[in-house]
Amino acid sequence: MIRLEVFSDPVCPWCFIGKANLDRALEAHPAHPFRIEWHPFQLNPDMPAGGVDKHRYLAEKFGEDRLVQMHLRLKEASRAAGAEIDPDTPKRMPNTLDAHRLIHWAGLEGRQTAVVSAIMRAYWREGRDIGNAGVLTDIAAAAGMDRAVTARLLASDADADDIRARDADARQKGLNSVPTFLIAQHYVVTGAQPPEVWGNVIRELLEQSGT
């Protein structure tokens, strides 16, 4: 198996679209060689713990006119990826530290991709506040993780410093946007690449391995 390391943030719409494109490619190539690992990268590391109003935050950051154009582009790209979203569905822009902690713990239990999918779906499709411990606990339990243990961990500072350190390490190594994909700790693919690109990557890797 070949490690495919994905650096992402659940509140990044291009991460949602990029994952949808990757999923389509993996489904079309069931013999793919990838073992997927998810790594933290916070787009807004200084976000208050309780989050802020999403529209107001983005409008102040980009301006209303640019925000409208960004949302139109996201709708078109998500529709093309077969994972249509309305960027206005989420009302809060949360701090995603706890979401990344949950993703880390899910990885220890072999449930990481399922939990990443559930967190992204909760935010982009259902408009749930993924900065809320109760919401994250529900997601964990639905994925088969222990509800009480997850709630207790989220109420603590467990692994928070580790998540911050991993985020900082990625930035120090030059990562400045997500999604970013690292293949076999050597090849880098950035952005929400279409399934056809991933299909070409998979075929090339299979040819190199002689399978």
Foldseek 3Di string as FASTA:
>chain_A
DKEKEWEDFLLDLQQVLLVLQQVVLCVVPVVFPYDYDYAYAWPCQPAPLAFDFVVVVVCVVPNDVVVVVVQVVSQVSCVVSVRGFRNVLAGTDHNCLLVRVLLVVCVVVVQNVVLSNLSSCCCGVVNDHNSDQVVSLVSCVVSPHDSVVSSVVSVDCPCSVVNVVRNVVCVVVPDDDDGWIQINVHDIDHTSDGSVVVNVVRVVVCVVVVD
